[in-house]
Amino acid sequence: MIPIPEIDDSSTQWHSEGNDPSRPLIVLIHGYGADEHDLIALASSLPTGFDYAAVRGPLTPPFPMPGCSWYPLEGEGSGDIDVITESTNRLLAWLDSLGRTGPVGLVGFSQGGVLAVHAMRLRPEAFAFAGNLSGYVMPGGEMPGDETLAERRPPVFWGRGSSDDVIPEGLVVHTTDWLPGHADIVGRTYLGLGHAVAPDEVADLNVFLTKQLEALGC
């Protein structure tokens, strides 16, 4: 299996009010070829009751693709659930290092959406909710927390574009079949949207996160 480096915390981008570790936190997880600056821009359009932390993926895509990634899309490690699990474990280790005591949610785009759900499959008790934007659920077998996740059924927002030609149809079908059995899913397909995030999707995500904030009593 390819080695997955530790996450470089010095690159983490924060959007927060003060330094209170008990405030609810949302971890923003970018997609393939992007970096920590990609999703932090969303924070200004999302509920102010959360702190937001955008992390940088530990891998570098092949030239000439810019940015970073969480797992390969081609060559060694591509489609390997063990590689995705190891990368997710790096994310969990980074989160542990923060010493946060408040509730945590995850929001990711594309690969980041995959990691958001995968983190819940590895540690279902650790996360209050997740947002999966243009991502999917990784097939390849059961994860240690799948049974607990199905019992807890945390809220998951899944948004995708009707014209997204990046995510294979088989992965969309797998996600459509898998998510309702493991989460309280809120899903929407955006007409004409490709592999991207549209303003109306951000508005829907804002409503979803506001409801999660209310449910947490914060």
Foldseek 3Di string as FASTA:
>chain_A
DDDFDAFDPVQKDKDADDQALAQEEEEEEEAPLAAQVPCVVLVVLADRSYIYIYTGARAAEDPPRHGGHQAYCDDPGHLPVVSNLVSLVSVVVVVVVSVRDHAYEYEYAARSLQSRVVNCQAPVVRHQEYEYEQYAHRDDDHGPRQVVLLVVAHEYEYEEEPAAPPDDPVRVVVRVVRNVSRHPYDYDYHYPDYRDADPVNSVVVNVVVVVSCVVSVD
